[in-house]
PDB file of N, CA and C in Angstrom:
ATOM      1  N   UNK A   1      10.131  32.740  -7.870  1.00  0.00           N
ATOM      2  CA  UNK A   1      10.799  33.644  -6.989  1.00  0.00           C
ATOM      3  C   UNK A   1      10.206  33.489  -5.597  1.00  0.00           C
ATOM      4  N   UNK A   2      11.026  33.507  -4.620  1.00  0.00           N
ATOM      5  CA  UNK A   2      10.594  33.163  -3.261  1.00  0.00           C
ATOM      6  C   UNK A   2       9.892  34.308  -2.550  1.00  0.00           C
ATOM      7  N   UNK A   3       9.650  34.133  -1.264  1.00  0.00           N
ATOM      8  CA  UNK A   3       8.899  35.096  -0.486  1.00  0.00           C
ATOM      9  C   UNK A   3       9.707  36.275   0.021  1.00  0.00           C
ATOM     10  N   UNK A   4      10.969  36.416  -0.347  1.00  0.00           N
ATOM     11  CA  UNK A   4      11.768  37.548   0.081  1.00  0.00           C
ATOM     12  C   UNK A   4      11.110  38.837  -0.411  1.00  0.00           C
ATOM     13  N   UNK A   5      10.906  39.796   0.475  1.00  0.00           N
ATOM     14  CA  UNK A   5      10.163  41.014   0.159  1.00  0.00           C
ATOM     15  C   UNK A   5      11.030  42.107  -0.480  1.00  0.00           C
ATOM     16  N   UNK A   6      12.327  41.914  -0.557  1.00  0.00           N
ATOM     17  CA  UNK A   6      13.204  42.923  -1.139  1.00  0.00           C
ATOM     18  C   UNK A   6      12.842  43.156  -2.607  1.00  0.00           C
ATOM     19  N   UNK A   7      12.935  44.426  -3.030  1.00  0.00           N
ATOM     20  CA  UNK A   7      12.598  44.780  -4.402  1.00  0.00           C
ATOM     21  C   UNK A   7      13.743  44.541  -5.374  1.00  0.00           C
ATOM     22  N   UNK A   8      14.852  44.019  -4.875  1.00  0.00           N
ATOM     23  CA  UNK A   8      15.979  43.750  -5.761  1.00  0.00           C
ATOM     24  C   UNK A   8      16.849  42.642  -5.172  1.00  0.00           C
ATOM     25  N   UNK A   9      17.726  42.150  -5.982  1.00  0.00           N
ATOM     26  CA  UNK A   9      18.753  41.204  -5.557  1.00  0.00           C
ATOM     27  C   UNK A   9      20.078  41.790  -6.029  1.00  0.00           C
ATOM     28  N   UNK A  10      21.073  41.779  -5.158  1.00  0.00           N
ATOM     29  CA  UNK A  10      22.362  42.343  -5.546  1.00  0.00           C
ATOM     30  C   UNK A  10      23.500  41.437  -5.120  1.00  0.00           C
ATOM     31  N   UNK A  11      24.622  41.604  -5.824  1.00  0.00           N
ATOM     32  CA  UNK A  11      25.810  40.815  -5.539  1.00  0.00           C
ATOM     33  C   UNK A  11      27.040  41.610  -5.939  1.00  0.00           C
ATOM     34  N   UNK A  12      28.141  41.308  -5.272  1.00  0.00           N
ATOM     35  CA  UNK A  12      29.418  41.923  -5.623  1.00  0.00           C
ATOM     36  C   UNK A  12      30.211  40.944  -6.469  1.00  0.00           C
ATOM     37  N   UNK A  13      30.734  41.437  -7.588  1.00  0.00           N
ATOM     38  CA  UNK A  13      31.558  40.622  -8.469  1.00  0.00           C
ATOM     39  C   UNK A  13      32.924  40.451  -7.809  1.00  0.00           C
ATOM     40  N   UNK A  14      33.339  39.191  -7.656  1.00  0.00           N
ATOM     41  CA  UNK A  14      34.598  38.896  -6.965  1.00  0.00           C
ATOM     42  C   UNK A  14      35.721  38.477  -7.912  1.00  0.00           C
ATOM     43  N   UNK A  15      35.355  37.955  -9.081  1.00  0.00           N
ATOM     44  CA  UNK A  15      36.363  37.417 -10.003  1.00  0.00           C
ATOM     45  C   UNK A  15      35.757  37.393 -11.398  1.00  0.00           C
ATOM     46  N   UNK A  16      36.500  37.794 -12.404  1.00  0.00           N
ATOM     47  CA  UNK A  16      36.011  37.761 -13.783  1.00  0.00           C
ATOM     48  C   UNK A  16      37.053  37.149 -14.709  1.00  0.00           C
ATOM     49  N   UNK A  17      36.550  36.480 -15.740  1.00  0.00           N
ATOM     50  CA  UNK A  17      37.405  35.942 -16.785  1.00  0.00           C
ATOM     51  C   UNK A  17      36.684  36.163 -18.105  1.00  0.00           C
ATOM     52  N   UNK A  18      37.356  36.817 -19.032  1.00  0.00           N
ATOM     53  CA  UNK A  18      36.768  36.997 -20.360  1.00  0.00           C
ATOM     54  C   UNK A  18      37.035  35.739 -21.182  1.00  0.00           C
ATOM     55  N   UNK A  19      36.292  35.540 -22.268  1.00  0.00           N
ATOM     56  CA  UNK A  19      36.526  34.346 -23.090  1.00  0.00           C
ATOM     57  C   UNK A  19      37.959  34.243 -23.591  1.00  0.00           C
ATOM     58  N   UNK A  20      38.601  35.396 -23.816  1.00  0.00           N
ATOM     59  CA  UNK A  20      39.975  35.382 -24.324  1.00  0.00           C
ATOM     60  C   UNK A  20      40.974  34.841 -23.299  1.00  0.00           C
ATOM     61  N   UNK A  21      40.630  34.889 -22.014  1.00  0.00           N
ATOM     62  CA  UNK A  21      41.556  34.493 -20.960  1.00  0.00           C
ATOM     63  C   UNK A  21      41.213  33.147 -20.328  1.00  0.00           C
ATOM     64  N   UNK A  22      40.136  32.532 -20.725  1.00  0.00           N
ATOM     65  CA  UNK A  22      39.647  31.320 -20.067  1.00  0.00           C
ATOM     66  C   UNK A  22      40.684  30.209 -20.117  1.00  0.00           C
ATOM     67  N   UNK A  23      40.937  29.600 -18.976  1.00  0.00           N
ATOM     68  CA  UNK A  23      41.864  28.478 -18.808  1.00  0.00           C
ATOM     69  C   UNK A  23      43.251  28.762 -19.386  1.00  0.00           C
ATOM     70  N   UNK A  24      43.674  30.025 -19.297  1.00  0.00           N
ATOM     71  CA  UNK A  24      45.025  30.366 -19.697  1.00  0.00           C
ATOM     72  C   UNK A  24      45.219  30.627 -21.176  1.00  0.00           C
ATOM     73  N   UNK A  25      44.178  30.454 -21.971  1.00  0.00           N
ATOM     74  CA  UNK A  25      44.287  30.704 -23.400  1.00  0.00           C
ATOM     75  C   UNK A  25      43.919  32.155 -23.677  1.00  0.00           C
ATOM     76  N   UNK A  26      44.606  32.764 -24.633  1.00  0.00           N
ATOM     77  CA  UNK A  26      44.334  34.163 -24.968  1.00  0.00           C
ATOM     78  C   UNK A  26      43.836  34.280 -26.403  1.00  0.00           C
ATOM     79  N   UNK A  27      42.905  33.403 -26.761  1.00  0.00           N
ATOM     80  CA  UNK A  27      42.341  33.403 -28.104  1.00  0.00           C
ATOM     81  C   UNK A  27      40.843  33.137 -27.996  1.00  0.00           C
ATOM     82  N   UNK A  28      39.991  34.087 -28.404  1.00  0.00           N
ATOM     83  CA  UNK A  28      38.549  33.859 -28.281  1.00  0.00           C
ATOM     84  C   UNK A  28      38.076  32.737 -29.198  1.00  0.00           C
ATOM     85  N   UNK A  29      37.370  31.805 -28.645  1.00  0.00           N
ATOM     86  CA  UNK A  29      36.806  30.682 -29.389  1.00  0.00           C
ATOM     87  C   UNK A  29      35.319  30.619 -29.043  1.00  0.00           C
ATOM     88  N   UNK A  30      34.460  30.219 -29.985  1.00  0.00           N
ATOM     89  CA  UNK A  30      33.027  30.188 -29.693  1.00  0.00           C
ATOM     90  C   UNK A  30      32.651  29.311 -28.499  1.00  0.00           C
ATOM     91  N   UNK A  31      33.421  28.270 -28.232  1.00  0.00           N
ATOM     92  CA  UNK A  31      33.099  27.356 -27.141  1.00  0.00           C
ATOM     93  C   UNK A  31      33.688  27.776 -25.800  1.00  0.00           C
ATOM     94  N   UNK A  32      34.270  28.973 -25.733  1.00  0.00           N
ATOM     95  CA  UNK A  32      34.898  29.444 -24.507  1.00  0.00           C
ATOM     96  C   UNK A  32      33.948  30.384 -23.771  1.00  0.00           C
ATOM     97  N   UNK A  33      33.657  30.096 -22.501  1.00  0.00           N
ATOM     98  CA  UNK A  33      32.701  30.944 -21.777  1.00  0.00           C
ATOM     99  C   UNK A  33      33.319  32.215 -21.205  1.00  0.00           C
ATOM    100  N   UNK A  34      32.456  33.169 -20.953  1.00  0.00           N
ATOM    101  CA  UNK A  34      32.759  34.361 -20.178  1.00  0.00           C
ATOM    102  C   UNK A  34      32.327  34.007 -18.749  1.00  0.00           C
ATOM    103  N   UNK A  35      33.215  34.144 -17.766  1.00  0.00           N
ATOM    104  CA  UNK A  35      32.956  33.638 -16.421  1.00  0.00           C
ATOM    105  C   UNK A  35      33.070  34.762 -15.399  1.00  0.00           C
ATOM    106  N   UNK A  36      32.186  34.729 -14.392  1.00  0.00           N
ATOM    107  CA  UNK A  36      32.379  35.614 -13.247  1.00  0.00           C
ATOM    108  C   UNK A  36      31.892  34.933 -11.975  1.00  0.00           C
ATOM    109  N   UNK A  37      32.587  35.254 -10.894  1.00  0.00           N
ATOM    110  CA  UNK A  37      32.191  34.779  -9.570  1.00  0.00           C
ATOM    111  C   UNK A  37      31.634  35.970  -8.799  1.00  0.00           C
ATOM    112  N   UNK A  38      30.671  35.686  -7.916  1.00  0.00           N
ATOM    113  CA  UNK A  38      30.028  36.748  -7.162  1.00  0.00           C
ATOM    114  C   UNK A  38      29.676  36.270  -5.768  1.00  0.00           C
ATOM    115  N   UNK A  39      29.454  37.234  -4.890  1.00  0.00           N
ATOM    116  CA  UNK A  39      28.944  36.975  -3.551  1.00  0.00           C
ATOM    117  C   UNK A  39      27.686  37.802  -3.381  1.00  0.00           C
ATOM    118  N   UNK A  40      26.565  37.131  -3.146  1.00  0.00           N
ATOM    119  CA  UNK A  40      25.293  37.828  -2.979  1.00  0.00           C
ATOM    120  C   UNK A  40      25.338  38.712  -1.738  1.00  0.00           C
ATOM    121  N   UNK A  41      24.629  39.822  -1.783  1.00  0.00           N
ATOM    122  CA  UNK A  41      24.620  40.789  -0.683  1.00  0.00           C
ATOM    123  C   UNK A  41      23.329  40.704   0.126  1.00  0.00           C
ATOM    124  N   UNK A  42      22.190  40.727  -0.551  1.00  0.00           N
ATOM    125  CA  UNK A  42      20.903  40.794   0.143  1.00  0.00           C
ATOM    126  C   UNK A  42      19.991  39.595  -0.161  1.00  0.00           C
ATOM    127  N   UNK A  43      20.599  38.493  -0.569  1.00  0.00           N
ATOM    128  CA  UNK A  43      19.865  37.278  -0.902  1.00  0.00           C
ATOM    129  C   UNK A  43      20.869  36.131  -0.915  1.00  0.00           C
ATOM    130  N   UNK A  44      20.446  34.955  -1.323  1.00  0.00           N
ATOM    131  CA  UNK A  44      21.393  33.855  -1.457  1.00  0.00           C
ATOM    132  C   UNK A  44      22.046  33.921  -2.836  1.00  0.00           C
ATOM    133  N   UNK A  45      23.163  33.243  -3.000  1.00  0.00           N
ATOM    134  CA  UNK A  45      23.810  33.179  -4.308  1.00  0.00           C
ATOM    135  C   UNK A  45      22.875  32.541  -5.331  1.00  0.00           C
ATOM    136  N   UNK A  46      22.121  31.519  -4.910  1.00  0.00           N
ATOM    137  CA  UNK A  46      21.182  30.860  -5.820  1.00  0.00           C
ATOM    138  C   UNK A  46      20.115  31.836  -6.315  1.00  0.00           C
ATOM    139  N   UNK A  47      19.561  32.642  -5.407  1.00  0.00           N
ATOM    140  CA  UNK A  47      18.539  33.626  -5.800  1.00  0.00           C
ATOM    141  C   UNK A  47      19.109  34.649  -6.779  1.00  0.00           C
ATOM    142  N   UNK A  48      20.297  35.165  -6.468  1.00  0.00           N
ATOM    143  CA  UNK A  48      20.888  36.148  -7.357  1.00  0.00           C
ATOM    144  C   UNK A  48      21.119  35.554  -8.738  1.00  0.00           C
ATOM    145  N   UNK A  49      21.661  34.346  -8.787  1.00  0.00           N
ATOM    146  CA  UNK A  49      21.929  33.697 -10.078  1.00  0.00           C
ATOM    147  C   UNK A  49      20.639  33.511 -10.867  1.00  0.00           C
ATOM    148  N   UNK A  50      19.577  33.074 -10.199  1.00  0.00           N
ATOM    149  CA  UNK A  50      18.292  32.888 -10.880  1.00  0.00           C
ATOM    150  C   UNK A  50      17.818  34.206 -11.497  1.00  0.00           C
ATOM    151  N   UNK A  51      17.853  35.280 -10.731  1.00  0.00           N
ATOM    152  CA  UNK A  51      17.398  36.586 -11.219  1.00  0.00           C
ATOM    153  C   UNK A  51      18.315  37.107 -12.336  1.00  0.00           C
ATOM    154  N   UNK A  52      19.625  36.933 -12.189  1.00  0.00           N
ATOM    155  CA  UNK A  52      20.571  37.403 -13.200  1.00  0.00           C
ATOM    156  C   UNK A  52      20.316  36.692 -14.526  1.00  0.00           C
ATOM    157  N   UNK A  53      20.141  35.386 -14.475  1.00  0.00           N
ATOM    158  CA  UNK A  53      19.922  34.602 -15.685  1.00  0.00           C
ATOM    159  C   UNK A  53      18.579  34.965 -16.318  1.00  0.00           C
ATOM    160  N   UNK A  54      17.552  35.187 -15.488  1.00  0.00           N
ATOM    161  CA  UNK A  54      16.264  35.618 -16.025  1.00  0.00           C
ATOM    162  C   UNK A  54      16.397  36.960 -16.741  1.00  0.00           C
ATOM    163  N   UNK A  55      17.090  37.910 -16.107  1.00  0.00           N
ATOM    164  CA  UNK A  55      17.265  39.233 -16.710  1.00  0.00           C
ATOM    165  C   UNK A  55      18.029  39.131 -18.025  1.00  0.00           C
ATOM    166  N   UNK A  56      19.027  38.274 -18.049  1.00  0.00           N
ATOM    167  CA  UNK A  56      19.854  38.123 -19.242  1.00  0.00           C
ATOM    168  C   UNK A  56      19.063  37.516 -20.397  1.00  0.00           C
ATOM    169  N   UNK A  57      18.058  36.706 -20.085  1.00  0.00           N
ATOM    170  CA  UNK A  57      17.227  36.108 -21.124  1.00  0.00           C
ATOM    171  C   UNK A  57      17.843  34.891 -21.785  1.00  0.00           C
ATOM    172  N   UNK A  58      18.779  34.264 -21.126  1.00  0.00           N
ATOM    173  CA  UNK A  58      19.404  33.058 -21.668  1.00  0.00           C
ATOM    174  C   UNK A  58      18.672  31.853 -21.085  1.00  0.00           C
ATOM    175  N   UNK A  59      17.826  31.239 -21.897  1.00  0.00           N
ATOM    176  CA  UNK A  59      16.934  30.198 -21.410  1.00  0.00           C
ATOM    177  C   UNK A  59      17.455  28.783 -21.623  1.00  0.00           C
ATOM    178  N   UNK A  60      18.575  28.630 -22.269  1.00  0.00           N
ATOM    179  CA  UNK A  60      19.094  27.302 -22.578  1.00  0.00           C
ATOM    180  C   UNK A  60      20.307  26.982 -21.718  1.00  0.00           C
ATOM    181  N   UNK A  61      20.353  25.763 -21.211  1.00  0.00           N
ATOM    182  CA  UNK A  61      21.519  25.316 -20.442  1.00  0.00           C
ATOM    183  C   UNK A  61      22.767  25.263 -21.325  1.00  0.00           C
ATOM    184  N   UNK A  62      22.580  25.315 -22.648  1.00  0.00           N
ATOM    185  CA  UNK A  62      23.723  25.356 -23.557  1.00  0.00           C
ATOM    186  C   UNK A  62      24.397  26.728 -23.558  1.00  0.00           C
ATOM    187  N   UNK A  63      23.689  27.744 -23.049  1.00  0.00           N
ATOM    188  CA  UNK A  63      24.196  29.122 -23.093  1.00  0.00           C
ATOM    189  C   UNK A  63      24.673  29.643 -21.750  1.00  0.00           C
ATOM    190  N   UNK A  64      24.229  29.028 -20.654  1.00  0.00           N
ATOM    191  CA  UNK A  64      24.557  29.543 -19.329  1.00  0.00           C
ATOM    192  C   UNK A  64      24.657  28.386 -18.336  1.00  0.00           C
ATOM    193  N   UNK A  65      25.586  28.526 -17.398  1.00  0.00           N
ATOM    194  CA  UNK A  65      25.744  27.523 -16.347  1.00  0.00           C
ATOM    195  C   UNK A  65      26.003  28.250 -15.033  1.00  0.00           C
ATOM    196  N   UNK A  66      25.362  27.768 -13.972  1.00  0.00           N
ATOM    197  CA  UNK A  66      25.564  28.342 -12.643  1.00  0.00           C
ATOM    198  C   UNK A  66      25.946  27.227 -11.691  1.00  0.00           C
ATOM    199  N   UNK A  67      26.904  27.532 -10.822  1.00  0.00           N
ATOM    200  CA  UNK A  67      27.283  26.586  -9.775  1.00  0.00           C
ATOM    201  C   UNK A  67      27.902  27.344  -8.613  1.00  0.00           C
ATOM    202  N   UNK A  68      27.978  26.681  -7.466  1.00  0.00           N
ATOM    203  CA  UNK A  68      28.691  27.236  -6.324  1.00  0.00           C
ATOM    204  C   UNK A  68      30.131  26.766  -6.390  1.00  0.00           C
ATOM    205  N   UNK A  69      31.062  27.652  -6.083  1.00  0.00           N
ATOM    206  CA  UNK A  69      32.469  27.280  -6.064  1.00  0.00           C
ATOM    207  C   UNK A  69      32.798  26.638  -4.720  1.00  0.00           C
ATOM    208  N   UNK A  70      33.983  26.074  -4.609  1.00  0.00           N
ATOM    209  CA  UNK A  70      34.427  25.469  -3.352  1.00  0.00           C
ATOM    210  C   UNK A  70      34.475  26.499  -2.223  1.00  0.00           C
ATOM    211  N   UNK A  71      34.696  27.763  -2.574  1.00  0.00           N
ATOM    212  CA  UNK A  71      34.760  28.827  -1.561  1.00  0.00           C
ATOM    213  C   UNK A  71      33.373  29.350  -1.175  1.00  0.00           C
ATOM    214  N   UNK A  72      32.314  28.829  -1.806  1.00  0.00           N
ATOM    215  CA  UNK A  72      30.960  29.252  -1.480  1.00  0.00           C
ATOM    216  C   UNK A  72      30.440  30.425  -2.298  1.00  0.00           C
ATOM    217  N   UNK A  73      31.238  30.917  -3.230  1.00  0.00           N
ATOM    218  CA  UNK A  73      30.778  31.971  -4.128  1.00  0.00           C
ATOM    219  C   UNK A  73      29.940  31.352  -5.248  1.00  0.00           C
ATOM    220  N   UNK A  74      29.128  32.184  -5.867  1.00  0.00           N
ATOM    221  CA  UNK A  74      28.407  31.747  -7.058  1.00  0.00           C
ATOM    222  C   UNK A  74      29.288  31.961  -8.272  1.00  0.00           C
ATOM    223  N   UNK A  75      29.155  31.086  -9.259  1.00  0.00           N
ATOM    224  CA  UNK A  75      29.913  31.235 -10.505  1.00  0.00           C
ATOM    225  C   UNK A  75      28.946  31.051 -11.670  1.00  0.00           C
ATOM    226  N   UNK A  76      28.946  32.007 -12.589  1.00  0.00           N
ATOM    227  CA  UNK A  76      28.123  31.922 -13.779  1.00  0.00           C
ATOM    228  C   UNK A  76      29.038  31.913 -14.993  1.00  0.00           C
ATOM    229  N   UNK A  77      28.790  30.945 -15.880  1.00  0.00           N
ATOM    230  CA  UNK A  77      29.508  30.852 -17.152  1.00  0.00           C
ATOM    231  C   UNK A  77      28.513  31.154 -18.257  1.00  0.00           C
ATOM    232  N   UNK A  78      28.900  32.063 -19.159  1.00  0.00           N
ATOM    233  CA  UNK A  78      28.050  32.465 -20.276  1.00  0.00           C
ATOM    234  C   UNK A  78      28.746  32.124 -21.583  1.00  0.00           C
ATOM    235  N   UNK A  79      28.036  31.468 -22.470  1.00  0.00           N
ATOM    236  CA  UNK A  79      28.569  31.175 -23.794  1.00  0.00           C
ATOM    237  C   UNK A  79      27.881  32.085 -24.801  1.00  0.00           C
ATOM    238  N   UNK A  80      28.676  32.734 -25.658  1.00  0.00           N
ATOM    239  CA  UNK A  80      28.132  33.586 -26.708  1.00  0.00           C
ATOM    240  C   UNK A  80      27.788  34.993 -26.258  1.00  0.00           C
ATOM    241  N   UNK A  81      28.079  35.322 -25.013  1.00  0.00           N
ATOM    242  CA  UNK A  81      27.782  36.651 -24.471  1.00  0.00           C
ATOM    243  C   UNK A  81      28.923  37.067 -23.549  1.00  0.00           C
ATOM    244  N   UNK A  82      29.376  38.286 -23.678  1.00  0.00           N
ATOM    245  CA  UNK A  82      30.381  38.816 -22.763  1.00  0.00           C
ATOM    246  C   UNK A  82      29.660  39.465 -21.593  1.00  0.00           C
ATOM    247  N   UNK A  83      30.059  39.156 -20.361  1.00  0.00           N
ATOM    248  CA  UNK A  83      29.356  39.695 -19.191  1.00  0.00           C
ATOM    249  C   UNK A  83      29.623  41.181 -18.976  1.00  0.00           C
ATOM    250  N   UNK A  84      30.780  41.671 -19.370  1.00  0.00           N
ATOM    251  CA  UNK A  84      31.083  43.092 -19.249  1.00  0.00           C
ATOM    252  C   UNK A  84      31.215  43.586 -17.813  1.00  0.00           C
ATOM    253  N   UNK A  85      31.538  42.712 -16.884  1.00  0.00           N
ATOM    254  CA  UNK A  85      31.616  43.076 -15.471  1.00  0.00           C
ATOM    255  C   UNK A  85      33.059  43.263 -15.032  1.00  0.00           C
ATOM    256  N   UNK A  86      33.232  43.966 -13.910  1.00  0.00           N
ATOM    257  CA  UNK A  86      34.560  44.194 -13.345  1.00  0.00           C
ATOM    258  C   UNK A  86      34.562  43.774 -11.877  1.00  0.00           C
ATOM    259  N   UNK A  87      35.710  43.328 -11.398  1.00  0.00           N
ATOM    260  CA  UNK A  87      35.852  42.952  -9.995  1.00  0.00           C
ATOM    261  C   UNK A  87      35.500  44.153  -9.123  1.00  0.00           C
ATOM    262  N   UNK A  88      34.696  43.906  -8.087  1.00  0.00           N
ATOM    263  CA  UNK A  88      34.269  44.957  -7.179  1.00  0.00           C
ATOM    264  C   UNK A  88      32.951  45.608  -7.565  1.00  0.00           C
ATOM    265  N   UNK A  89      32.499  45.378  -8.781  1.00  0.00           N
ATOM    266  CA  UNK A  89      31.233  45.960  -9.249  1.00  0.00           C
ATOM    267  C   UNK A  89      30.059  45.344  -8.476  1.00  0.00           C
ATOM    268  N   UNK A  90      29.092  46.166  -8.151  1.00  0.00           N
ATOM    269  CA  UNK A  90      27.861  45.696  -7.512  1.00  0.00           C
ATOM    270  C   UNK A  90      26.803  45.597  -8.614  1.00  0.00           C
ATOM    271  N   UNK A  91      26.258  44.402  -8.792  1.00  0.00           N
ATOM    272  CA  UNK A  91      25.225  44.164  -9.802  1.00  0.00           C
ATOM    273  C   UNK A  91      23.890  44.074  -9.077  1.00  0.00           C
ATOM    274  N   UNK A  92      22.919  44.866  -9.534  1.00  0.00           N
ATOM    275  CA  UNK A  92      21.592  44.898  -8.923  1.00  0.00           C
ATOM    276  C   UNK A  92      20.559  44.499  -9.965  1.00  0.00           C
ATOM    277  N   UNK A  93      19.710  43.538  -9.600  1.00  0.00           N
ATOM    278  CA  UNK A  93      18.612  43.101 -10.453  1.00  0.00           C
ATOM    279  C   UNK A  93      17.315  43.478  -9.733  1.00  0.00           C
ATOM    280  N   UNK A  94      16.482  44.291 -10.374  1.00  0.00           N
ATOM    281  CA  UNK A  94      15.225  44.711  -9.745  1.00  0.00           C
ATOM    282  C   UNK A  94      14.156  43.640  -9.940  1.00  0.00           C
ATOM    283  N   UNK A  95      13.112  43.721  -9.127  1.00  0.00           N
ATOM    284  CA  UNK A  95      11.978  42.806  -9.247  1.00  0.00           C
ATOM    285  C   UNK A  95      11.367  42.913 -10.638  1.00  0.00           C
ATOM    286  N   UNK A  96      11.256  44.116 -11.134  1.00  0.00           N
ATOM    287  CA  UNK A  96      10.676  44.339 -12.461  1.00  0.00           C
ATOM    288  C   UNK A  96      11.504  43.644 -13.549  1.00  0.00           C
ATOM    289  N   UNK A  97      12.830  43.770 -13.472  1.00  0.00           N
ATOM    290  CA  UNK A  97      13.702  43.121 -14.458  1.00  0.00           C
ATOM    291  C   UNK A  97      13.572  41.600 -14.375  1.00  0.00           C
ATOM    292  N   UNK A  98      13.527  41.078 -13.158  1.00  0.00           N
ATOM    293  CA  UNK A  98      13.390  39.629 -12.982  1.00  0.00           C
ATOM    294  C   UNK A  98      12.036  39.153 -13.493  1.00  0.00           C
ATOM    295  N   UNK A  99      10.975  39.909 -13.206  1.00  0.00           N
ATOM    296  CA  UNK A  99       9.644  39.519 -13.666  1.00  0.00           C
ATOM    297  C   UNK A  99       9.567  39.531 -15.193  1.00  0.00           C
ATOM    298  N   UNK A 100      10.110  40.580 -15.818  1.00  0.00           N
ATOM    299  CA  UNK A 100      10.124  40.635 -17.286  1.00  0.00           C
ATOM    300  C   UNK A 100      10.880  39.443 -17.867  1.00  0.00           C
ATOM    301  N   UNK A 101      12.004  39.089 -17.253  1.00  0.00           N
ATOM    302  CA  UNK A 101      12.770  37.927 -17.700  1.00  0.00           C
ATOM    303  C   UNK A 101      12.009  36.633 -17.504  1.00  0.00           C
ATOM    304  N   UNK A 102      11.309  36.514 -16.378  1.00  0.00           N
ATOM    305  CA  UNK A 102      10.507  35.322 -16.095  1.00  0.00           C
ATOM    306  C   UNK A 102       9.395  35.185 -17.132  1.00  0.00           C
ATOM    307  N   UNK A 103       8.706  36.301 -17.435  1.00  0.00           N
ATOM    308  CA  UNK A 103       7.638  36.277 -18.437  1.00  0.00           C
ATOM    309  C   UNK A 103       8.189  35.859 -19.805  1.00  0.00           C
ATOM    310  N   UNK A 104       9.334  36.419 -20.192  1.00  0.00           N
ATOM    311  CA  UNK A 104       9.952  36.049 -21.464  1.00  0.00           C
ATOM    312  C   UNK A 104      10.325  34.573 -21.494  1.00  0.00           C
ATOM    313  N   UNK A 105      10.811  34.067 -20.366  1.00  0.00           N
ATOM    314  CA  UNK A 105      11.164  32.646 -20.293  1.00  0.00           C
ATOM    315  C   UNK A 105       9.928  31.771 -20.446  1.00  0.00           C
ATOM    316  N   UNK A 106       8.830  32.145 -19.816  1.00  0.00           N
ATOM    317  CA  UNK A 106       7.593  31.372 -19.940  1.00  0.00           C
ATOM    318  C   UNK A 106       7.112  31.365 -21.394  1.00  0.00           C
ATOM    319  N   UNK A 107       7.164  32.512 -22.064  1.00  0.00           N
ATOM    320  CA  UNK A 107       6.787  32.586 -23.471  1.00  0.00           C
ATOM    321  C   UNK A 107       7.697  31.701 -24.318  1.00  0.00           C
ATOM    322  N   UNK A 108       8.982  31.750 -24.037  1.00  0.00           N
ATOM    323  CA  UNK A 108       9.951  30.919 -24.754  1.00  0.00           C
ATOM    324  C   UNK A 108       9.634  29.438 -24.562  1.00  0.00           C
ATOM    325  N   UNK A 109       9.382  29.047 -23.315  1.00  0.00           N
ATOM    326  CA  UNK A 109       9.092  27.643 -23.021  1.00  0.00           C
ATOM    327  C   UNK A 109       7.820  27.175 -23.715  1.00  0.00           C
ATOM    328  N   UNK A 110       6.793  28.030 -23.753  1.00  0.00           N
ATOM    329  CA  UNK A 110       5.537  27.669 -24.424  1.00  0.00           C
ATOM    330  C   UNK A 110       5.775  27.502 -25.924  1.00  0.00           C
ATOM    331  N   UNK A 111       6.522  28.418 -26.529  1.00  0.00           N
ATOM    332  CA  UNK A 111       6.835  28.294 -27.963  1.00  0.00           C
ATOM    333  C   UNK A 111       7.598  27.011 -28.256  1.00  0.00           C
ATOM    334  N   UNK A 112       8.562  26.703 -27.392  1.00  0.00           N
ATOM    335  CA  UNK A 112       9.341  25.471 -27.577  1.00  0.00           C
ATOM    336  C   UNK A 112       8.440  24.243 -27.514  1.00  0.00           C
ATOM    337  N   UNK A 113       7.541  24.219 -26.551  1.00  0.00           N
ATOM    338  CA  UNK A 113       6.635  23.080 -26.397  1.00  0.00           C
ATOM    339  C   UNK A 113       5.678  22.981 -27.580  1.00  0.00           C
ATOM    340  N   UNK A 114       5.152  24.106 -28.048  1.00  0.00           N
ATOM    341  CA  UNK A 114       4.269  24.078 -29.218  1.00  0.00           C
ATOM    342  C   UNK A 114       5.011  23.583 -30.458  1.00  0.00           C
ATOM    343  N   UNK A 115       6.230  24.036 -30.638  1.00  0.00           N
ATOM    344  CA  UNK A 115       7.040  23.544 -31.763  1.00  0.00           C
ATOM    345  C   UNK A 115       7.269  22.047 -31.648  1.00  0.00           C
ATOM    346  N   UNK A 116       7.559  21.587 -30.454  1.00  0.00           N
ATOM    347  CA  UNK A 116       7.801  20.156 -30.256  1.00  0.00           C
ATOM    348  C   UNK A 116       6.536  19.365 -30.578  1.00  0.00           C
ATOM    349  N   UNK A 117       5.375  19.842 -30.118  1.00  0.00           N
ATOM    350  CA  UNK A 117       4.111  19.155 -30.373  1.00  0.00           C
ATOM    351  C   UNK A 117       3.758  19.156 -31.854  1.00  0.00           C
ATOM    352  N   UNK A 118       4.002  20.271 -32.536  1.00  0.00           N
ATOM    353  CA  UNK A 118       3.708  20.348 -33.971  1.00  0.00           C
ATOM    354  C   UNK A 118       4.610  19.417 -34.785  1.00  0.00           C
ATOM    355  N   UNK A 119       5.853  19.328 -34.387  1.00  0.00           N
ATOM    356  CA  UNK A 119       6.798  18.468 -35.106  1.00  0.00           C
ATOM    357  C   UNK A 119       6.584  16.984 -34.834  1.00  0.00           C
ATOM    358  N   UNK A 120       5.938  16.671 -33.714  1.00  0.00           N
ATOM    359  CA  UNK A 120       5.746  15.259 -33.369  1.00  0.00           C
ATOM    360  C   UNK A 120       4.532  14.646 -34.067  1.00  0.00           C
ATOM    361  N   UNK A 121       3.738  15.470 -34.741  1.00  0.00           N
ATOM    362  CA  UNK A 121       2.543  14.940 -35.430  1.00  0.00           C
ATOM    363  C   UNK A 121       2.830  14.557 -36.838  1.00  0.00           C
TER     364      UNK A 121
END
């Protein structure tokens, strides 16, 4: 997390798609993501996405994807989780929530590495 002194990161949800509506299909499938676009308010889109993903606790690139859209908004795709957001909603992630998520991610990464090392012997 960077040197920004703000105690939170916030963004306004600009566009949402539930898994049932993704790419025009109206049938939930496990491989269909829940998608939302946002515009950061008090940070960059990259910072907000990092904090949001940390808070969510999704540590695998198989479960979450973040990118910037052509319009400059952030877009997060979630697999296996419904975002539960609405257009116009302001999402706020506190420093405490981001730190807890970061700590959980570090623990997850250490466990993964230990498992990999144990299996390689």
